[in-house]
N, C-alpha and C. Protein backbone atom coordinates (compact mmCIF):
# COMPACT_ATOMS: atom_id res chain seq x y z
N MET A 1 12.06 0.29 -3.23
CA MET A 1 11.33 -0.04 -2.01
C MET A 1 11.03 -1.54 -2.01
N ARG A 2 11.09 -2.12 -0.82
CA ARG A 2 10.75 -3.53 -0.66
C ARG A 2 9.88 -3.67 0.59
N VAL A 3 8.79 -4.41 0.46
CA VAL A 3 7.89 -4.69 1.57
C VAL A 3 7.90 -6.19 1.83
N THR A 4 8.15 -6.58 3.09
CA THR A 4 8.18 -8.00 3.43
C THR A 4 7.22 -8.31 4.58
N VAL A 5 6.69 -9.53 4.51
CA VAL A 5 5.81 -10.07 5.55
C VAL A 5 6.13 -11.55 5.66
N ALA A 6 6.37 -12.02 6.88
CA ALA A 6 6.61 -13.44 7.15
C ALA A 6 7.71 -14.02 6.24
N GLY A 7 8.76 -13.24 6.03
CA GLY A 7 9.88 -13.70 5.23
C GLY A 7 9.68 -13.67 3.72
N LYS A 8 8.54 -13.19 3.27
CA LYS A 8 8.27 -13.13 1.83
C LYS A 8 8.24 -11.68 1.36
N ILE A 9 8.73 -11.48 0.15
CA ILE A 9 8.64 -10.16 -0.46
C ILE A 9 7.24 -10.00 -1.03
N VAL A 10 6.51 -9.05 -0.48
CA VAL A 10 5.14 -8.79 -0.93
C VAL A 10 5.15 -7.82 -2.11
N ALA A 11 6.05 -6.86 -2.06
CA ALA A 11 6.18 -5.90 -3.15
C ALA A 11 7.61 -5.40 -3.19
N GLU A 12 8.09 -5.15 -4.40
CA GLU A 12 9.43 -4.60 -4.58
C GLU A 12 9.43 -3.78 -5.86
N SER A 13 9.86 -2.53 -5.73
CA SER A 13 9.79 -1.65 -6.89
C SER A 13 10.84 -0.56 -6.83
N ALA A 14 11.36 -0.22 -7.99
CA ALA A 14 12.24 0.94 -8.14
C ALA A 14 11.42 2.15 -8.60
N GLN A 15 10.10 1.99 -8.68
CA GLN A 15 9.23 3.06 -9.18
C GLN A 15 8.22 3.52 -8.15
N ALA A 16 8.58 3.43 -6.87
CA ALA A 16 7.67 3.86 -5.82
C ALA A 16 7.48 5.38 -5.88
N LEU A 17 6.28 5.81 -5.56
CA LEU A 17 5.97 7.23 -5.48
C LEU A 17 5.93 7.64 -4.01
N ARG A 18 6.56 8.75 -3.69
CA ARG A 18 6.55 9.26 -2.31
C ARG A 18 5.53 10.38 -2.24
N LEU A 19 4.56 10.21 -1.35
CA LEU A 19 3.50 11.21 -1.19
C LEU A 19 3.61 11.79 0.21
N GLU A 20 3.66 13.10 0.29
CA GLU A 20 3.76 13.78 1.58
C GLU A 20 2.51 14.60 1.82
N GLU A 21 1.95 14.42 3.01
CA GLU A 21 0.79 15.21 3.42
C GLU A 21 1.16 15.90 4.72
N LYS A 22 0.77 17.13 4.84
CA LYS A 22 1.12 17.92 6.01
C LYS A 22 0.67 17.22 7.30
N GLY A 23 1.60 17.11 8.23
CA GLY A 23 1.29 16.51 9.53
C GLY A 23 1.40 15.00 9.58
N TYR A 24 1.76 14.35 8.45
CA TYR A 24 1.88 12.89 8.41
C TYR A 24 3.25 12.51 7.86
N PRO A 25 3.76 11.34 8.28
CA PRO A 25 5.02 10.89 7.67
C PRO A 25 4.80 10.57 6.19
N PRO A 26 5.86 10.62 5.37
CA PRO A 26 5.71 10.30 3.95
C PRO A 26 5.18 8.87 3.75
N VAL A 27 4.41 8.69 2.70
CA VAL A 27 3.88 7.37 2.35
C VAL A 27 4.41 7.01 0.97
N TYR A 28 4.86 5.76 0.85
CA TYR A 28 5.33 5.26 -0.44
C TYR A 28 4.23 4.42 -1.08
N TYR A 29 3.93 4.73 -2.32
CA TYR A 29 2.96 3.98 -3.11
C TYR A 29 3.74 3.19 -4.15
N LEU A 30 3.59 1.86 -4.12
CA LEU A 30 4.29 1.00 -5.06
C LEU A 30 3.34 0.55 -6.16
N PRO A 31 3.83 0.49 -7.39
CA PRO A 31 2.95 0.04 -8.48
C PRO A 31 2.39 -1.36 -8.20
N ARG A 32 1.14 -1.51 -8.47
CA ARG A 32 0.47 -2.80 -8.26
C ARG A 32 1.16 -3.92 -9.05
N LYS A 33 1.70 -3.59 -10.21
CA LYS A 33 2.37 -4.59 -11.05
C LYS A 33 3.64 -5.13 -10.37
N ASP A 34 4.16 -4.41 -9.38
CA ASP A 34 5.37 -4.84 -8.67
C ASP A 34 5.07 -5.54 -7.35
N ALA A 35 3.81 -5.85 -7.12
CA ALA A 35 3.40 -6.56 -5.91
C ALA A 35 2.98 -7.98 -6.26
N ASP A 36 3.18 -8.89 -5.33
CA ASP A 36 2.69 -10.26 -5.49
C ASP A 36 1.24 -10.28 -5.02
N MET A 37 0.34 -10.00 -5.94
CA MET A 37 -1.08 -9.88 -5.60
C MET A 37 -1.66 -11.20 -5.09
N SER A 38 -0.99 -12.33 -5.35
CA SER A 38 -1.48 -13.61 -4.84
C SER A 38 -1.36 -13.69 -3.32
N LEU A 39 -0.57 -12.81 -2.71
CA LEU A 39 -0.42 -12.78 -1.25
C LEU A 39 -1.43 -11.87 -0.58
N LEU A 40 -2.17 -11.11 -1.39
CA LEU A 40 -3.12 -10.13 -0.85
C LEU A 40 -4.55 -10.61 -1.02
N VAL A 41 -5.39 -10.27 -0.06
CA VAL A 41 -6.82 -10.59 -0.13
C VAL A 41 -7.60 -9.30 0.06
N ARG A 42 -8.41 -9.00 -0.94
CA ARG A 42 -9.21 -7.77 -0.87
C ARG A 42 -10.24 -7.89 0.26
N THR A 43 -10.44 -6.80 0.97
CA THR A 43 -11.43 -6.79 2.05
C THR A 43 -12.65 -5.99 1.61
N THR A 44 -13.66 -5.99 2.45
CA THR A 44 -14.85 -5.18 2.17
C THR A 44 -14.74 -3.81 2.84
N HIS A 45 -13.66 -3.60 3.58
CA HIS A 45 -13.44 -2.33 4.29
C HIS A 45 -13.10 -1.23 3.29
N TYR A 46 -13.63 -0.05 3.51
CA TYR A 46 -13.27 1.09 2.68
C TYR A 46 -13.37 2.36 3.51
N THR A 47 -12.67 3.38 3.07
CA THR A 47 -12.74 4.69 3.70
C THR A 47 -12.80 5.74 2.59
N TYR A 48 -12.98 6.98 3.01
CA TYR A 48 -13.03 8.08 2.06
C TYR A 48 -12.06 9.17 2.51
N CYS A 49 -11.31 9.70 1.58
CA CYS A 49 -10.41 10.82 1.85
C CYS A 49 -10.85 11.99 0.97
N PRO A 50 -11.08 13.16 1.55
CA PRO A 50 -11.54 14.29 0.75
C PRO A 50 -10.50 14.77 -0.27
N TYR A 51 -9.24 14.36 -0.11
CA TYR A 51 -8.18 14.79 -1.02
C TYR A 51 -7.87 13.77 -2.11
N LYS A 52 -8.14 12.48 -1.79
CA LYS A 52 -7.75 11.42 -2.73
C LYS A 52 -8.93 10.62 -3.27
N GLY A 53 -10.03 10.53 -2.52
CA GLY A 53 -11.20 9.79 -2.98
C GLY A 53 -11.46 8.54 -2.15
N ASP A 54 -12.15 7.57 -2.76
CA ASP A 54 -12.50 6.33 -2.07
C ASP A 54 -11.29 5.40 -1.99
N CYS A 55 -11.12 4.81 -0.82
CA CYS A 55 -9.97 3.96 -0.56
C CYS A 55 -10.43 2.54 -0.23
N THR A 56 -9.80 1.55 -0.85
CA THR A 56 -10.10 0.15 -0.55
C THR A 56 -8.87 -0.49 0.07
N TYR A 57 -9.09 -1.63 0.74
CA TYR A 57 -8.03 -2.25 1.54
C TYR A 57 -7.84 -3.72 1.21
N TYR A 58 -6.62 -4.18 1.45
CA TYR A 58 -6.25 -5.59 1.33
C TYR A 58 -5.61 -6.04 2.64
N SER A 59 -5.78 -7.31 2.94
CA SER A 59 -5.06 -7.94 4.04
C SER A 59 -4.00 -8.87 3.46
N ILE A 60 -3.02 -9.22 4.28
CA ILE A 60 -1.96 -10.14 3.88
C ILE A 60 -2.02 -11.33 4.83
N PRO A 61 -2.76 -12.39 4.47
CA PRO A 61 -3.01 -13.50 5.39
C PRO A 61 -1.75 -14.15 5.97
N ILE A 62 -0.64 -14.19 5.24
CA ILE A 62 0.56 -14.84 5.79
C ILE A 62 1.11 -14.09 7.00
N GLY A 63 0.67 -12.85 7.21
CA GLY A 63 1.10 -12.06 8.36
C GLY A 63 0.20 -12.21 9.57
N GLY A 64 -0.85 -13.03 9.44
CA GLY A 64 -1.78 -13.22 10.56
C GLY A 64 -2.59 -11.97 10.84
N SER A 65 -3.10 -11.87 12.06
CA SER A 65 -3.99 -10.76 12.40
C SER A 65 -3.27 -9.42 12.35
N LYS A 66 -1.95 -9.42 12.54
CA LYS A 66 -1.17 -8.18 12.45
C LYS A 66 -1.32 -7.53 11.08
N SER A 67 -1.48 -8.34 10.04
CA SER A 67 -1.48 -7.83 8.67
C SER A 67 -2.87 -7.67 8.06
N GLU A 68 -3.90 -7.64 8.93
CA GLU A 68 -5.23 -7.34 8.42
C GLU A 68 -5.29 -5.87 8.02
N TYR A 69 -5.90 -5.60 6.89
CA TYR A 69 -6.04 -4.23 6.38
C TYR A 69 -4.68 -3.53 6.27
N ALA A 70 -3.65 -4.27 5.89
CA ALA A 70 -2.29 -3.75 5.84
C ALA A 70 -2.02 -2.89 4.62
N VAL A 71 -2.85 -3.01 3.61
CA VAL A 71 -2.60 -2.36 2.32
C VAL A 71 -3.79 -1.49 1.95
N TRP A 72 -3.51 -0.31 1.42
CA TRP A 72 -4.61 0.50 0.91
C TRP A 72 -4.30 0.99 -0.49
N THR A 73 -5.37 1.29 -1.21
CA THR A 73 -5.22 1.73 -2.60
C THR A 73 -6.40 2.61 -2.99
N TYR A 74 -6.11 3.53 -3.87
CA TYR A 74 -7.15 4.39 -4.45
C TYR A 74 -7.30 3.97 -5.90
N GLU A 75 -8.36 3.25 -6.19
CA GLU A 75 -8.54 2.72 -7.54
C GLU A 75 -9.00 3.78 -8.53
N LYS A 76 -9.70 4.79 -8.03
CA LYS A 76 -10.14 5.91 -8.87
C LYS A 76 -9.84 7.21 -8.12
N PRO A 77 -8.55 7.53 -7.97
CA PRO A 77 -8.19 8.73 -7.21
C PRO A 77 -8.61 10.00 -7.93
N TYR A 78 -8.73 11.06 -7.15
CA TYR A 78 -9.04 12.36 -7.75
C TYR A 78 -7.90 12.79 -8.66
N GLU A 79 -8.22 13.65 -9.60
CA GLU A 79 -7.26 14.11 -10.60
C GLU A 79 -5.97 14.66 -9.99
N ALA A 80 -6.07 15.35 -8.87
CA ALA A 80 -4.89 15.96 -8.25
C ALA A 80 -3.84 14.93 -7.82
N VAL A 81 -4.27 13.70 -7.60
CA VAL A 81 -3.34 12.63 -7.20
C VAL A 81 -3.47 11.42 -8.13
N ALA A 82 -3.78 11.69 -9.38
CA ALA A 82 -4.02 10.61 -10.35
C ALA A 82 -2.84 9.65 -10.47
N GLN A 83 -1.63 10.11 -10.15
CA GLN A 83 -0.45 9.25 -10.29
C GLN A 83 -0.47 8.05 -9.34
N ILE A 84 -1.28 8.07 -8.27
CA ILE A 84 -1.31 6.93 -7.35
C ILE A 84 -2.28 5.82 -7.80
N LYS A 85 -2.97 6.05 -8.91
CA LYS A 85 -3.84 4.99 -9.44
C LYS A 85 -2.98 3.77 -9.78
N GLU A 86 -3.49 2.58 -9.52
CA GLU A 86 -2.77 1.33 -9.76
C GLU A 86 -1.54 1.18 -8.85
N HIS A 87 -1.55 1.87 -7.70
CA HIS A 87 -0.48 1.76 -6.72
C HIS A 87 -1.05 1.30 -5.38
N LEU A 88 -0.16 0.72 -4.57
CA LEU A 88 -0.51 0.22 -3.25
C LEU A 88 0.36 0.88 -2.19
N ALA A 89 -0.22 1.16 -1.05
CA ALA A 89 0.53 1.67 0.10
C ALA A 89 0.37 0.68 1.25
N PHE A 90 1.37 0.63 2.12
CA PHE A 90 1.41 -0.35 3.19
C PHE A 90 1.57 0.34 4.54
N TYR A 91 0.80 -0.10 5.54
CA TYR A 91 0.97 0.40 6.89
C TYR A 91 2.25 -0.21 7.48
N PRO A 92 3.21 0.61 7.89
CA PRO A 92 4.46 0.07 8.45
C PRO A 92 4.24 -0.84 9.66
N SER A 93 3.23 -0.58 10.46
CA SER A 93 2.98 -1.39 11.65
C SER A 93 2.30 -2.73 11.34
N ARG A 94 1.88 -2.92 10.10
CA ARG A 94 1.15 -4.14 9.74
C ARG A 94 1.93 -5.05 8.80
N VAL A 95 3.16 -4.67 8.50
CA VAL A 95 4.07 -5.51 7.72
C VAL A 95 5.35 -5.65 8.54
N ASP A 96 6.23 -6.57 8.14
CA ASP A 96 7.47 -6.74 8.89
C ASP A 96 8.48 -5.66 8.56
N ALA A 97 8.55 -5.23 7.31
CA ALA A 97 9.51 -4.19 6.94
C ALA A 97 9.09 -3.48 5.66
N ILE A 98 9.38 -2.20 5.61
CA ILE A 98 9.32 -1.40 4.40
C ILE A 98 10.70 -0.78 4.29
N GLU A 99 11.46 -1.24 3.30
CA GLU A 99 12.85 -0.83 3.19
C GLU A 99 13.10 -0.04 1.93
N VAL A 100 13.96 0.94 2.04
CA VAL A 100 14.46 1.63 0.87
C VAL A 100 15.68 0.85 0.41
N ILE A 101 15.62 0.35 -0.81
CA ILE A 101 16.73 -0.45 -1.36
C ILE A 101 17.35 0.32 -2.51
N SER A 102 18.62 0.09 -2.74
CA SER A 102 19.28 0.81 -3.83
C SER A 102 19.45 -0.06 -5.04
């Protein structure tokens, strides 16, 4: 998987996790170690999911206002989804591309 914003690769990984939830399109979670964290800015925004736990967000300033709150992560996910810890997910509408690469 490769995520790009403003011509820059924000994250690229061969170890993305695909998570499917009923009624939603699949979401790819990329390991945090495979992201350029210098391009991300943590926000104070957070949400709660009864299935995964507390969720925190990052913006990608090089993408302008389109890329605000573009990234979400569960830093302490519930045991049932523990594999997404240390992973990031990206809103497709808030980045330029999320591509499956071979």
